[in-house]
PDB file of N, CA and C in Angstrom:
ATOM      1  N   MET A   1       0.841  -1.149   0.000  1.00  0.00           N
ATOM      2  CA  MET A   1       0.000   0.000   0.000  1.00  0.00           C
ATOM      3  C   MET A   1       0.904   1.234   0.000  1.00  0.00           C
ATOM      4  N   ASP A   2       0.525   2.146  -0.892  1.00  0.00           N
ATOM      5  CA  ASP A   2       1.324   3.364  -1.037  1.00  0.00           C
ATOM      6  C   ASP A   2       0.669   4.442  -0.183  1.00  0.00           C
ATOM      7  N   VAL A   3       1.315   4.847   0.890  1.00  0.00           N
ATOM      8  CA  VAL A   3       0.789   5.807   1.848  1.00  0.00           C
ATOM      9  C   VAL A   3       0.595   7.175   1.181  1.00  0.00           C
ATOM     10  N   GLN A   4       1.563   7.561   0.379  1.00  0.00           N
ATOM     11  CA  GLN A   4       1.488   8.861  -0.308  1.00  0.00           C
ATOM     12  C   GLN A   4       0.238   8.934  -1.193  1.00  0.00           C
ATOM     13  N   LYS A   5      -0.017   7.887  -1.951  1.00  0.00           N
ATOM     14  CA  LYS A   5      -1.198   7.862  -2.813  1.00  0.00           C
ATOM     15  C   LYS A   5      -2.472   7.887  -1.977  1.00  0.00           C
ATOM     16  N   THR A   6      -2.485   7.200  -0.857  1.00  0.00           N
ATOM     17  CA  THR A   6      -3.647   7.177   0.019  1.00  0.00           C
ATOM     18  C   THR A   6      -3.908   8.572   0.576  1.00  0.00           C
ATOM     19  N   ILE A   7      -2.850   9.241   1.015  1.00  0.00           N
ATOM     20  CA  ILE A   7      -2.988  10.604   1.552  1.00  0.00           C
ATOM     21  C   ILE A   7      -3.502  11.540   0.457  1.00  0.00           C
ATOM     22  N   GLU A   8      -2.955  11.414  -0.737  1.00  0.00           N
ATOM     23  CA  GLU A   8      -3.401  12.261  -1.855  1.00  0.00           C
ATOM     24  C   GLU A   8      -4.881  11.991  -2.173  1.00  0.00           C
ATOM     25  N   PHE A   9      -5.262  10.734  -2.136  1.00  0.00           N
ATOM     26  CA  PHE A   9      -6.650  10.372  -2.396  1.00  0.00           C
ATOM     27  C   PHE A   9      -7.580  11.000  -1.353  1.00  0.00           C
ATOM     28  N   ILE A  10      -7.166  10.879  -0.059  1.00  0.00           N
ATOM     29  CA  ILE A  10      -7.968  11.439   1.032  1.00  0.00           C
ATOM     30  C   ILE A  10      -8.060  12.959   0.890  1.00  0.00           C
ATOM     31  N   LEU A  11      -6.962  13.619   0.583  1.00  0.00           N
ATOM     32  CA  LEU A  11      -6.952  15.066   0.418  1.00  0.00           C
ATOM     33  C   LEU A  11      -7.840  15.478  -0.769  1.00  0.00           C
ATOM     34  N   GLU A  12      -7.764  14.705  -1.805  1.00  0.00           N
ATOM     35  CA  GLU A  12      -8.592  14.996  -2.982  1.00  0.00           C
ATOM     36  C   GLU A  12     -10.074  14.838  -2.638  1.00  0.00           C
ATOM     37  N   GLN A  13     -10.416  13.812  -1.879  1.00  0.00           N
ATOM     38  CA  GLN A  13     -11.800  13.590  -1.457  1.00  0.00           C
ATOM     39  C   GLN A  13     -12.279  14.741  -0.569  1.00  0.00           C
ATOM     40  N   GLN A  14     -11.397  15.186   0.359  1.00  0.00           N
ATOM     41  CA  GLN A  14     -11.749  16.309   1.231  1.00  0.00           C
ATOM     42  C   GLN A  14     -11.980  17.590   0.410  1.00  0.00           C
ATOM     43  N   ALA A  15     -11.144  17.793  -0.588  1.00  0.00           N
ATOM     44  CA  ALA A  15     -11.290  18.977  -1.440  1.00  0.00           C
ATOM     45  C   ALA A  15     -12.601  18.905  -2.212  1.00  0.00           C
ATOM     46  N   GLN A  16     -12.926  17.719  -2.719  1.00  0.00           N
ATOM     47  CA  GLN A  16     -14.187  17.550  -3.437  1.00  0.00           C
ATOM     48  C   GLN A  16     -15.381  17.790  -2.509  1.00  0.00           C
ATOM     49  N   CYS A  17     -15.266  17.309  -1.256  1.00  0.00           N
ATOM     50  CA  CYS A  17     -16.336  17.534  -0.275  1.00  0.00           C
ATOM     51  C   CYS A  17     -16.480  19.019   0.019  1.00  0.00           C
ATOM     52  N   ALA A  18     -15.352  19.695   0.189  1.00  0.00           N
ATOM     53  CA  ALA A  18     -15.394  21.136   0.464  1.00  0.00           C
ATOM     54  C   ALA A  18     -16.016  21.878  -0.728  1.00  0.00           C
ATOM     55  N   ALA A  19     -15.650  21.475  -1.926  1.00  0.00           N
ATOM     56  CA  ALA A  19     -16.205  22.101  -3.122  1.00  0.00           C
ATOM     57  C   ALA A  19     -17.697  21.806  -3.216  1.00  0.00           C
ATOM     58  N   TRP A  20     -18.043  20.574  -2.915  1.00  0.00           N
ATOM     59  CA  TRP A  20     -19.450  20.197  -2.942  1.00  0.00           C
ATOM     60  C   TRP A  20     -20.247  21.019  -1.926  1.00  0.00           C
ATOM     61  N   ARG A  21     -19.711  21.196  -0.700  1.00  0.00           N
ATOM     62  CA  ARG A  21     -20.372  22.009   0.327  1.00  0.00           C
ATOM     63  C   ARG A  21     -20.541  23.449  -0.146  1.00  0.00           C
ATOM     64  N   THR A  22     -19.514  23.981  -0.790  1.00  0.00           N
ATOM     65  CA  THR A  22     -19.585  25.342  -1.321  1.00  0.00           C
ATOM     66  C   THR A  22     -20.668  25.423  -2.392  1.00  0.00           C
ATOM     67  N   ASP A  23     -20.663  24.413  -3.271  1.00  0.00           N
ATOM     68  CA  ASP A  23     -21.692  24.370  -4.314  1.00  0.00           C
ATOM     69  C   ASP A  23     -23.092  24.268  -3.700  1.00  0.00           C
ATOM     70  N   MET A  24     -23.231  23.435  -2.669  1.00  0.00           N
ATOM     71  CA  MET A  24     -24.524  23.262  -2.012  1.00  0.00           C
ATOM     72  C   MET A  24     -24.962  24.548  -1.325  1.00  0.00           C
ATOM     73  N   THR A  25     -24.035  25.250  -0.701  1.00  0.00           N
ATOM     74  CA  THR A  25     -24.358  26.519  -0.049  1.00  0.00           C
ATOM     75  C   THR A  25     -24.825  27.530  -1.094  1.00  0.00           C
ATOM     76  N   ALA A  26     -24.097  27.593  -2.204  1.00  0.00           N
ATOM     77  CA  ALA A  26     -24.480  28.499  -3.291  1.00  0.00           C
ATOM     78  C   ALA A  26     -25.836  28.084  -3.855  1.00  0.00           C
ATOM     79  N   TRP A  27     -26.040  26.800  -4.026  1.00  0.00           N
ATOM     80  CA  TRP A  27     -27.302  26.294  -4.563  1.00  0.00           C
ATOM     81  C   TRP A  27     -28.461  26.641  -3.622  1.00  0.00           C
ATOM     82  N   ARG A  28     -28.224  26.434  -2.303  1.00  0.00           N
ATOM     83  CA  ARG A  28     -29.266  26.766  -1.318  1.00  0.00           C
ATOM     84  C   ARG A  28     -29.589  28.262  -1.348  1.00  0.00           C
ATOM     85  N   SER A  29     -28.563  29.061  -1.460  1.00  0.00           N
ATOM     86  CA  SER A  29     -28.763  30.509  -1.529  1.00  0.00           C
ATOM     87  C   SER A  29     -29.559  30.872  -2.779  1.00  0.00           C
ATOM     88  N   GLU A  30     -29.187  30.262  -3.875  1.00  0.00           N
ATOM     89  CA  GLU A  30     -29.887  30.487  -5.140  1.00  0.00           C
ATOM     90  C   GLU A  30     -31.348  30.038  -5.026  1.00  0.00           C
ATOM     91  N   MET A  31     -31.563  28.898  -4.419  1.00  0.00           N
ATOM     92  CA  MET A  31     -32.912  28.378  -4.251  1.00  0.00           C
ATOM     93  C   MET A  31     -33.733  29.292  -3.346  1.00  0.00           C
ATOM     94  N   SER A  32     -33.128  29.842  -2.317  1.00  0.00           N
ATOM     95  CA  SER A  32     -33.834  30.779  -1.439  1.00  0.00           C
ATOM     96  C   SER A  32     -34.275  32.004  -2.225  1.00  0.00           C
ATOM     97  N   ALA A  33     -33.403  32.501  -3.100  1.00  0.00           N
ATOM     98  CA  ALA A  33     -33.746  33.655  -3.927  1.00  0.00           C
ATOM     99  C   ALA A  33     -34.884  33.301  -4.873  1.00  0.00           C
ATOM    100  N   VAL A  34     -34.811  32.108  -5.475  1.00  0.00           N
ATOM    101  CA  VAL A  34     -35.863  31.656  -6.386  1.00  0.00           C
ATOM    102  C   VAL A  34     -37.180  31.511  -5.625  1.00  0.00           C
ATOM    103  N   GLN A  35     -37.108  30.945  -4.433  1.00  0.00           N
ATOM    104  CA  GLN A  35     -38.326  30.790  -3.631  1.00  0.00           C
ATOM    105  C   GLN A  35     -38.921  32.144  -3.263  1.00  0.00           C
ATOM    106  N   ALA A  36     -38.068  33.093  -2.924  1.00  0.00           N
ATOM    107  CA  ALA A  36     -38.557  34.434  -2.584  1.00  0.00           C
ATOM    108  C   ALA A  36     -39.245  35.069  -3.790  1.00  0.00           C
ATOM    109  N   LYS A  37     -38.606  34.955  -4.970  1.00  0.00           N
ATOM    110  CA  LYS A  37     -39.215  35.501  -6.191  1.00  0.00           C
ATOM    111  C   LYS A  37     -40.540  34.799  -6.486  1.00  0.00           C
ATOM    112  N   THR A  38     -40.551  33.488  -6.344  1.00  0.00           N
ATOM    113  CA  THR A  38     -41.755  32.714  -6.612  1.00  0.00           C
ATOM    114  C   THR A  38     -42.863  33.116  -5.647  1.00  0.00           C
ATOM    115  N   GLY A  39     -42.502  33.298  -4.391  1.00  0.00           N
ATOM    116  CA  GLY A  39     -43.480  33.724  -3.395  1.00  0.00           C
ATOM    117  C   GLY A  39     -44.078  35.077  -3.742  1.00  0.00           C
ATOM    118  N   LYS A  40     -43.237  36.016  -4.166  1.00  0.00           N
ATOM    119  CA  LYS A  40     -43.727  37.342  -4.548  1.00  0.00           C
ATOM    120  C   LYS A  40     -44.639  37.248  -5.765  1.00  0.00           C
ATOM    121  N   ARG A  41     -44.244  36.412  -6.716  1.00  0.00           N
ATOM    122  CA  ARG A  41     -45.068  36.243  -7.911  1.00  0.00           C
ATOM    123  C   ARG A  41     -46.417  35.610  -7.562  1.00  0.00           C
ATOM    124  N   LEU A  42     -46.389  34.610  -6.684  1.00  0.00           N
ATOM    125  CA  LEU A  42     -47.648  33.981  -6.266  1.00  0.00           C
ATOM    126  C   LEU A  42     -48.532  34.975  -5.526  1.00  0.00           C
ATOM    127  N   ASP A  43     -47.936  35.816  -4.688  1.00  0.00           N
ATOM    128  CA  ASP A  43     -48.710  36.848  -3.992  1.00  0.00           C
ATOM    129  C   ASP A  43     -49.341  37.806  -4.998  1.00  0.00           C
ATOM    130  N   ALA A  44     -48.576  38.195  -6.022  1.00  0.00           N
ATOM    131  CA  ALA A  44     -49.102  39.102  -7.051  1.00  0.00           C
ATOM    132  C   ALA A  44     -50.246  38.439  -7.818  1.00  0.00           C
ATOM    133  N   ILE A  45     -50.078  37.164  -8.150  1.00  0.00           N
ATOM    134  CA  ILE A  45     -51.133  36.425  -8.862  1.00  0.00           C
ATOM    135  C   ILE A  45     -52.383  36.324  -7.987  1.00  0.00           C
ATOM    136  N   ALA A  46     -52.188  36.042  -6.701  1.00  0.00           N
ATOM    137  CA  ALA A  46     -53.337  35.951  -5.783  1.00  0.00           C
ATOM    138  C   ALA A  46     -54.058  37.292  -5.706  1.00  0.00           C
ATOM    139  N   LYS A  47     -53.298  38.376  -5.661  1.00  0.00           N
ATOM    140  CA  LYS A  47     -53.907  39.708  -5.613  1.00  0.00           C
ATOM    141  C   LYS A  47     -54.690  39.992  -6.896  1.00  0.00           C
ATOM    142  N   LEU A  48     -54.115  39.614  -8.044  1.00  0.00           N
ATOM    143  CA  LEU A  48     -54.815  39.784  -9.320  1.00  0.00           C
ATOM    144  C   LEU A  48     -56.112  38.979  -9.358  1.00  0.00           C
ATOM    145  N   LEU A  49     -56.041  37.741  -8.899  1.00  0.00           N
ATOM    146  CA  LEU A  49     -57.232  36.889  -8.882  1.00  0.00           C
ATOM    147  C   LEU A  49     -58.303  37.472  -7.964  1.00  0.00           C
ATOM    148  N   LYS A  50     -57.896  37.945  -6.807  1.00  0.00           N
ATOM    149  CA  LYS A  50     -58.849  38.524  -5.864  1.00  0.00           C
ATOM    150  C   LYS A  50     -59.510  39.761  -6.470  1.00  0.00           C
ATOM    151  N   THR A  51     -58.705  40.618  -7.085  1.00  0.00           N
ATOM    152  CA  THR A  51     -59.249  41.821  -7.730  1.00  0.00           C
ATOM    153  C   THR A  51     -60.170  41.436  -8.886  1.00  0.00           C
ATOM    154  N   GLY A  52     -59.736  40.479  -9.695  1.00  0.00           N
ATOM    155  CA  GLY A  52     -60.549  40.023 -10.824  1.00  0.00           C
ATOM    156  C   GLY A  52     -61.870  39.426 -10.369  1.00  0.00           C
ATOM    157  N   MET A  53     -61.847  38.645  -9.316  1.00  0.00           N
ATOM    158  CA  MET A  53     -63.075  38.037  -8.809  1.00  0.00           C
ATOM    159  C   MET A  53     -64.021  39.117  -8.284  1.00  0.00           C
ATOM    160  N   LYS A  54     -63.466  40.132  -7.603  1.00  0.00           N
ATOM    161  CA  LYS A  54     -64.301  41.232  -7.112  1.00  0.00           C
ATOM    162  C   LYS A  54     -64.943  41.959  -8.291  1.00  0.00           C
ATOM    163  N   MET A  55     -64.154  42.195  -9.339  1.00  0.00           N
ATOM    164  CA  MET A  55     -64.694  42.857 -10.524  1.00  0.00           C
ATOM    165  C   MET A  55     -65.794  42.011 -11.152  1.00  0.00           C
ATOM    166  N   LEU A  56     -65.569  40.705 -11.220  1.00  0.00           N
ATOM    167  CA  LEU A  56     -66.551  39.793 -11.804  1.00  0.00           C
ATOM    168  C   LEU A  56     -67.849  39.793 -11.001  1.00  0.00           C
ATOM    169  N   VAL A  57     -67.731  39.768  -9.677  1.00  0.00           N
ATOM    170  CA  VAL A  57     -68.918  39.790  -8.816  1.00  0.00           C
ATOM    171  C   VAL A  57     -69.671  41.108  -9.003  1.00  0.00           C
ATOM    172  N   ASP A  58     -68.936  42.224  -9.044  1.00  0.00           N
ATOM    173  CA  ASP A  58     -69.569  43.527  -9.260  1.00  0.00           C
ATOM    174  C   ASP A  58     -70.276  43.567 -10.612  1.00  0.00           C
ATOM    175  N   TYR A  59     -69.612  43.061 -11.650  1.00  0.00           N
ATOM    176  CA  TYR A  59     -70.195  43.045 -12.994  1.00  0.00           C
ATOM    177  C   TYR A  59     -71.447  42.170 -13.020  1.00  0.00           C
ATOM    178  N   GLN A  60     -71.386  41.022 -12.359  1.00  0.00           N
ATOM    179  CA  GLN A  60     -72.540  40.118 -12.324  1.00  0.00           C
ATOM    180  C   GLN A  60     -73.702  40.776 -11.593  1.00  0.00           C
ATOM    181  N   ARG A  61     -73.405  41.468 -10.487  1.00  0.00           N
ATOM    182  CA  ARG A  61     -74.446  42.162  -9.730  1.00  0.00           C
ATOM    183  C   ARG A  61     -75.092  43.246 -10.600  1.00  0.00           C
ATOM    184  N   GLU A  62     -74.255  43.995 -11.315  1.00  0.00           N
ATOM    185  CA  GLU A  62     -74.769  45.043 -12.208  1.00  0.00           C
ATOM    186  C   GLU A  62     -75.618  44.435 -13.323  1.00  0.00           C
ATOM    187  N   THR A  63     -75.132  43.345 -13.906  1.00  0.00           N
ATOM    188  CA  THR A  63     -75.868  42.665 -14.976  1.00  0.00           C
ATOM    189  C   THR A  63     -77.207  42.137 -14.463  1.00  0.00           C
ATOM    190  N   ASN A  64     -77.202  41.549 -13.272  1.00  0.00           N
ATOM    191  CA  ASN A  64     -78.452  41.050 -12.693  1.00  0.00           C
ATOM    192  C   ASN A  64     -79.441  42.192 -12.479  1.00  0.00           C
ATOM    193  N   GLY A  65     -78.936  43.345 -12.024  1.00  0.00           N
ATOM    194  CA  GLY A  65     -79.805  44.502 -11.842  1.00  0.00           C
ATOM    195  C   GLY A  65     -80.426  44.948 -13.151  1.00  0.00           C
ATOM    196  N   LYS A  66     -79.618  44.960 -14.214  1.00  0.00           N
ATOM    197  CA  LYS A  66     -80.131  45.361 -15.526  1.00  0.00           C
ATOM    198  C   LYS A  66     -81.157  44.346 -16.042  1.00  0.00           C
ATOM    199  N   ILE A  67     -80.878  43.079 -15.857  1.00  0.00           N
ATOM    200  CA  ILE A  67     -81.820  42.037 -16.295  1.00  0.00           C
ATOM    201  C   ILE A  67     -83.137  42.183 -15.538  1.00  0.00           C
ATOM    202  N   ASN A  68     -83.052  42.411 -14.225  1.00  0.00           N
ATOM    203  CA  ASN A  68     -84.282  42.584 -13.437  1.00  0.00           C
ATOM    204  C   ASN A  68     -85.061  43.803 -13.912  1.00  0.00           C
ATOM    205  N   ALA A  69     -84.351  44.892 -14.236  1.00  0.00           N
ATOM    206  CA  ALA A  69     -85.023  46.088 -14.745  1.00  0.00           C
ATOM    207  C   ALA A  69     -85.710  45.789 -16.080  1.00  0.00           C
ATOM    208  N   LEU A  70     -85.042  45.025 -16.948  1.00  0.00           N
ATOM    209  CA  LEU A  70     -85.645  44.653 -18.232  1.00  0.00           C
ATOM    210  C   LEU A  70     -86.877  43.769 -18.035  1.00  0.00           C
ATOM    211  N   VAL A  71     -86.796  42.848 -17.105  1.00  0.00           N
ATOM    212  CA  VAL A  71     -87.945  41.977 -16.827  1.00  0.00           C
ATOM    213  C   VAL A  71     -89.124  42.820 -16.333  1.00  0.00           C
ATOM    214  N   ASP A  72     -88.846  43.751 -15.415  1.00  0.00           N
ATOM    215  CA  ASP A  72     -89.918  44.623 -14.914  1.00  0.00           C
ATOM    216  C   ASP A  72     -90.519  45.451 -16.045  1.00  0.00           C
ATOM    217  N   ALA A  73     -89.666  46.015 -16.898  1.00  0.00           N
ATOM    218  CA  ALA A  73     -90.154  46.823 -18.018  1.00  0.00           C
ATOM    219  C   ALA A  73     -90.993  45.972 -18.968  1.00  0.00           C
ATOM    220  N   GLN A  74     -90.548  44.757 -19.233  1.00  0.00           N
ATOM    221  CA  GLN A  74     -91.295  43.859 -20.120  1.00  0.00           C
ATOM    222  C   GLN A  74     -92.663  43.539 -19.524  1.00  0.00           C
ATOM    223  N   MET A  75     -92.700  43.299 -18.228  1.00  0.00           N
ATOM    224  CA  MET A  75     -93.979  42.992 -17.584  1.00  0.00           C
ATOM    225  C   MET A  75     -94.913  44.202 -17.655  1.00  0.00           C
ATOM    226  N   ARG A  76     -94.372  45.411 -17.454  1.00  0.00           N
ATOM    227  CA  ARG A  76     -95.207  46.615 -17.582  1.00  0.00           C
ATOM    228  C   ARG A  76     -95.690  46.776 -19.020  1.00  0.00           C
ATOM    229  N   ASN A  77     -94.810  46.518 -19.987  1.00  0.00           N
ATOM    230  CA  ASN A  77     -95.209  46.601 -21.406  1.00  0.00           C
ATOM    231  C   ASN A  77     -96.320  45.602 -21.726  1.00  0.00           C
ATOM    232  N   GLU A  78     -96.171  44.386 -21.246  1.00  0.00           N
ATOM    233  CA  GLU A  78     -97.191  43.377 -21.508  1.00  0.00           C
ATOM    234  C   GLU A  78     -98.526  43.798 -20.905  1.00  0.00           C
ATOM    235  N   GLU A  79     -98.495  44.370 -19.697  1.00  0.00           N
ATOM    236  CA  GLU A  79     -99.730  44.846 -19.075  1.00  0.00           C
ATOM    237  C   GLU A  79    -100.308  45.998 -19.896  1.00  0.00           C
ATOM    238  N   GLY A  80     -99.434  46.894 -20.371  1.00  0.00           N
ATOM    239  CA  GLY A  80     -99.895  48.002 -21.203  1.00  0.00           C
ATOM    240  C   GLY A  80    -100.520  47.510 -22.500  1.00  0.00           C
ATOM    241  N   PHE A  81     -99.900  46.524 -23.148  1.00  0.00           N
ATOM    242  CA  PHE A  81    -100.451  45.962 -24.382  1.00  0.00           C
ATOM    243  C   PHE A  81    -101.775  45.240 -24.124  1.00  0.00           C
ATOM    244  N   ARG A  82    -101.869  44.565 -23.005  1.00  0.00           N
ATOM    245  CA  ARG A  82    -103.126  43.888 -22.652  1.00  0.00           C
ATOM    246  C   ARG A  82    -104.230  44.934 -22.503  1.00  0.00           C
ATOM    247  N   GLN A  83    -103.941  45.996 -21.792  1.00  0.00           N
ATOM    248  CA  GLN A  83    -104.927  47.061 -21.599  1.00  0.00           C
ATOM    249  C   GLN A  83    -105.277  47.716 -22.930  1.00  0.00           C
ATOM    250  N   LEU A  84    -104.265  47.918 -23.783  1.00  0.00           N
ATOM    251  CA  LEU A  84    -104.507  48.514 -25.103  1.00  0.00           C
ATOM    252  C   LEU A  84    -105.424  47.626 -25.944  1.00  0.00           C
ATOM    253  N   ARG A  85    -105.187  46.311 -25.907  1.00  0.00           N
ATOM    254  CA  ARG A  85    -106.059  45.382 -26.643  1.00  0.00           C
ATOM    255  C   ARG A  85    -107.500  45.474 -26.138  1.00  0.00           C
ATOM    256  N   GLU A  86    -107.653  45.512 -24.811  1.00  0.00           N
ATOM    257  CA  GLU A  86    -109.002  45.629 -24.245  1.00  0.00           C
ATOM    258  C   GLU A  86    -109.661  46.935 -24.690  1.00  0.00           C
ATOM    259  N   ASP A  87    -108.886  48.026 -24.641  1.00  0.00           N
ATOM    260  CA  ASP A  87    -109.424  49.322 -25.067  1.00  0.00           C
ATOM    261  C   ASP A  87    -109.812  49.303 -26.541  1.00  0.00           C
ATOM    262  N   MET A  88    -109.014  48.650 -27.375  1.00  0.00           N
ATOM    263  CA  MET A  88    -109.326  48.571 -28.804  1.00  0.00           C
ATOM    264  C   MET A  88    -110.598  47.769 -29.042  1.00  0.00           C
ATOM    265  N   VAL A  89    -110.780  46.687 -28.292  1.00  0.00           N
ATOM    266  CA  VAL A  89    -112.006  45.885 -28.421  1.00  0.00           C
ATOM    267  C   VAL A  89    -113.203  46.742 -28.041  1.00  0.00           C
ATOM    268  N   GLN A  90    -113.093  47.479 -26.927  1.00  0.00           N
ATOM    269  CA  GLN A  90    -114.190  48.349 -26.508  1.00  0.00           C
ATOM    270  C   GLN A  90    -114.455  49.443 -27.541  1.00  0.00           C
ATOM    271  N   LEU A  91    -113.382  49.996 -28.099  1.00  0.00           N
ATOM    272  CA  LEU A  91    -113.531  51.032 -29.117  1.00  0.00           C
ATOM    273  C   LEU A  91    -114.226  50.487 -30.359  1.00  0.00           C
ATOM    274  N   ARG A  92    -113.831  49.283 -30.769  1.00  0.00           N
ATOM    275  CA  ARG A  92    -114.461  48.663 -31.933  1.00  0.00           C
ATOM    276  C   ARG A  92    -115.948  48.427 -31.672  1.00  0.00           C
ATOM    277  N   GLU A  93    -116.281  47.908 -30.497  1.00  0.00           N
ATOM    278  CA  GLU A  93    -117.689  47.668 -30.147  1.00  0.00           C
ATOM    279  C   GLU A  93    -118.458  48.983 -30.123  1.00  0.00           C
ATOM    280  N   SER A  94    -117.839  50.005 -29.548  1.00  0.00           N
ATOM    281  CA  SER A  94    -118.487  51.316 -29.497  1.00  0.00           C
ATOM    282  C   SER A  94    -118.671  51.892 -30.904  1.00  0.00           C
ATOM    283  N   GLN A  95    -117.665  51.722 -31.743  1.00  0.00           N
ATOM    284  CA  GLN A  95    -117.762  52.214 -33.123  1.00  0.00           C
ATOM    285  C   GLN A  95    -118.853  51.484 -33.886  1.00  0.00           C
ATOM    286  N   GLN A  96    -118.989  50.191 -33.660  1.00  0.00           N
ATOM    287  CA  GLN A  96    -120.047  49.421 -34.314  1.00  0.00           C
ATOM    288  C   GLN A  96    -121.427  49.934 -33.881  1.00  0.00           C
ATOM    289  N   LYS A  97    -121.581  50.213 -32.586  1.00  0.00           N
ATOM    290  CA  LYS A  97    -122.854  50.737 -32.088  1.00  0.00           C
ATOM    291  C   LYS A  97    -123.141  52.108 -32.698  1.00  0.00           C
ATOM    292  N   THR A  98    -122.076  52.931 -32.776  1.00  0.00           N
ATOM    293  CA  THR A  98    -122.240  54.265 -33.372  1.00  0.00           C
ATOM    294  C   THR A  98    -122.633  54.140 -34.837  1.00  0.00           C
ATOM    295  N   ASP A  99    -121.982  53.230 -35.559  1.00  0.00           N
ATOM    296  CA  ASP A  99    -122.321  53.017 -36.976  1.00  0.00           C
ATOM    297  C   ASP A  99    -123.774  52.576 -37.116  1.00  0.00           C
ATOM    298  N   GLU A 100    -124.210  51.665 -36.259  1.00  0.00           N
ATOM    299  CA  GLU A 100    -125.593  51.180 -36.321  1.00  0.00           C
ATOM    300  C   GLU A 100    -126.580  52.320 -36.059  1.00  0.00           C
ATOM    301  N   LYS A 101    -126.300  53.132 -35.032  1.00  0.00           N
ATOM    302  CA  LYS A 101    -127.175  54.267 -34.710  1.00  0.00           C
ATOM    303  C   LYS A 101    -127.197  55.271 -35.873  1.00  0.00           C
ATOM    304  N   PHE A 102    -126.020  55.534 -36.448  1.00  0.00           N
ATOM    305  CA  PHE A 102    -125.948  56.473 -37.567  1.00  0.00           C
ATOM    306  C   PHE A 102    -126.747  55.967 -38.750  1.00  0.00           C
ATOM    307  N   ASN A 103    -126.591  54.688 -39.058  1.00  0.00           N
ATOM    308  CA  ASN A 103    -127.348  54.102 -40.176  1.00  0.00           C
ATOM    309  C   ASN A 103    -128.851  54.173 -39.917  1.00  0.00           C
ATOM    310  N   ARG A 104    -129.289  53.923 -38.680  1.00  0.00           N
ATOM    311  CA  ARG A 104    -130.723  54.039 -38.355  1.00  0.00           C
ATOM    312  C   ARG A 104    -131.178  55.496 -38.514  1.00  0.00           C
ATOM    313  N   TRP A 105    -130.394  56.434 -38.056  1.00  0.00           N
ATOM    314  CA  TRP A 105    -130.734  57.862 -38.180  1.00  0.00           C
ATOM    315  C   TRP A 105    -130.805  58.259 -39.652  1.00  0.00           C
ATOM    316  N   LEU A 106    -129.786  57.782 -40.436  1.00  0.00           N
ATOM    317  CA  LEU A 106    -129.753  58.090 -41.855  1.00  0.00           C
ATOM    318  C   LEU A 106    -130.985  57.526 -42.549  1.00  0.00           C
ATOM    319  N   ASP A 107    -131.362  56.293 -42.185  1.00  0.00           N
ATOM    320  CA  ASP A 107    -132.572  55.678 -42.748  1.00  0.00           C
ATOM    321  C   ASP A 107    -133.809  56.506 -42.387  1.00  0.00           C
ATOM    322  N   ALA A 108    -133.831  56.979 -41.160  1.00  0.00           N
ATOM    323  CA  ALA A 108    -134.979  57.784 -40.721  1.00  0.00           C
ATOM    324  C   ALA A 108    -135.037  59.091 -41.497  1.00  0.00           C
ATOM    325  N   GLN A 109    -133.898  59.671 -41.826  1.00  0.00           N
ATOM    326  CA  GLN A 109    -133.855  60.920 -42.573  1.00  0.00           C
ATOM    327  C   GLN A 109    -134.322  60.715 -44.006  1.00  0.00           C
ATOM    328  N   ARG A 110    -134.096  59.566 -44.531  1.00  0.00           N
ATOM    329  CA  ARG A 110    -134.481  59.242 -45.910  1.00  0.00           C
ATOM    330  C   ARG A 110    -135.947  58.839 -45.985  1.00  0.00           C
ATOM    331  N   GLY A 111    -136.578  58.783 -44.913  1.00  0.00           N
ATOM    332  CA  GLY A 111    -138.005  58.425 -44.915  1.00  0.00           C
ATOM    333  C   GLY A 111    -138.220  56.968 -44.627  1.00  0.00           C
ATOM    334  N   GLY A 112    -137.274  56.334 -44.073  1.00  0.00           N
ATOM    335  CA  GLY A 112    -137.465  54.937 -43.706  1.00  0.00           C
ATOM    336  C   GLY A 112    -137.211  53.982 -44.825  1.00  0.00           C
ATOM    337  N   SER A 113    -136.878  54.437 -46.005  1.00  0.00           N
ATOM    338  CA  SER A 113    -136.650  53.546 -47.128  1.00  0.00           C
ATOM    339  C   SER A 113    -135.293  52.911 -46.981  1.00  0.00           C
ATOM    340  N   THR A 114    -135.269  51.631 -47.175  1.00  0.00           N
ATOM    341  CA  THR A 114    -133.995  50.917 -47.087  1.00  0.00           C
ATOM    342  C   THR A 114    -133.537  50.415 -48.437  1.00  0.00           C
ATOM    343  N   ASN A 115    -134.256  50.782 -49.534  1.00  0.00           N
ATOM    344  CA  ASN A 115    -133.876  50.280 -50.840  1.00  0.00           C
ATOM    345  C   ASN A 115    -133.021  51.282 -51.614  1.00  0.00           C
ATOM    346  N   GLY A 116    -132.615  52.401 -50.991  1.00  0.00           N
ATOM    347  CA  GLY A 116    -131.721  53.337 -51.635  1.00  0.00           C
ATOM    348  C   GLY A 116    -132.394  54.449 -52.362  1.00  0.00           C
ATOM    349  N   HIS A 117    -133.774  54.598 -52.372  1.00  0.00           N
ATOM    350  CA  HIS A 117    -134.513  55.676 -53.074  1.00  0.00           C
ATOM    351  C   HIS A 117    -134.984  56.725 -52.134  1.00  0.00           C
TER     352      HIS A 117
END
């Protein structure tokens, strides 16, 4: 067994371990920085989502209000059209009665003749 080679091997292993520890320390530091950046980005995304959801809820509430207003207006229009139809029927009936009375009066003015002479 060559003692010198063994010592060199051990020293080389120690140097590799020291280098590895340095690399690991640097890697851990780098990972901490990455984690911090990732955390900040996730916080920003969460804030965006929260703001977006609030906007969506507000928009939905506004839309629901407009839809309800349209439904109310439509119901009032339908009631107005129903009343208008009823009024038109009454007007037509009244006009028919007026026409009948006028025709009777006209016949009376002509002397009661209904044959056109």
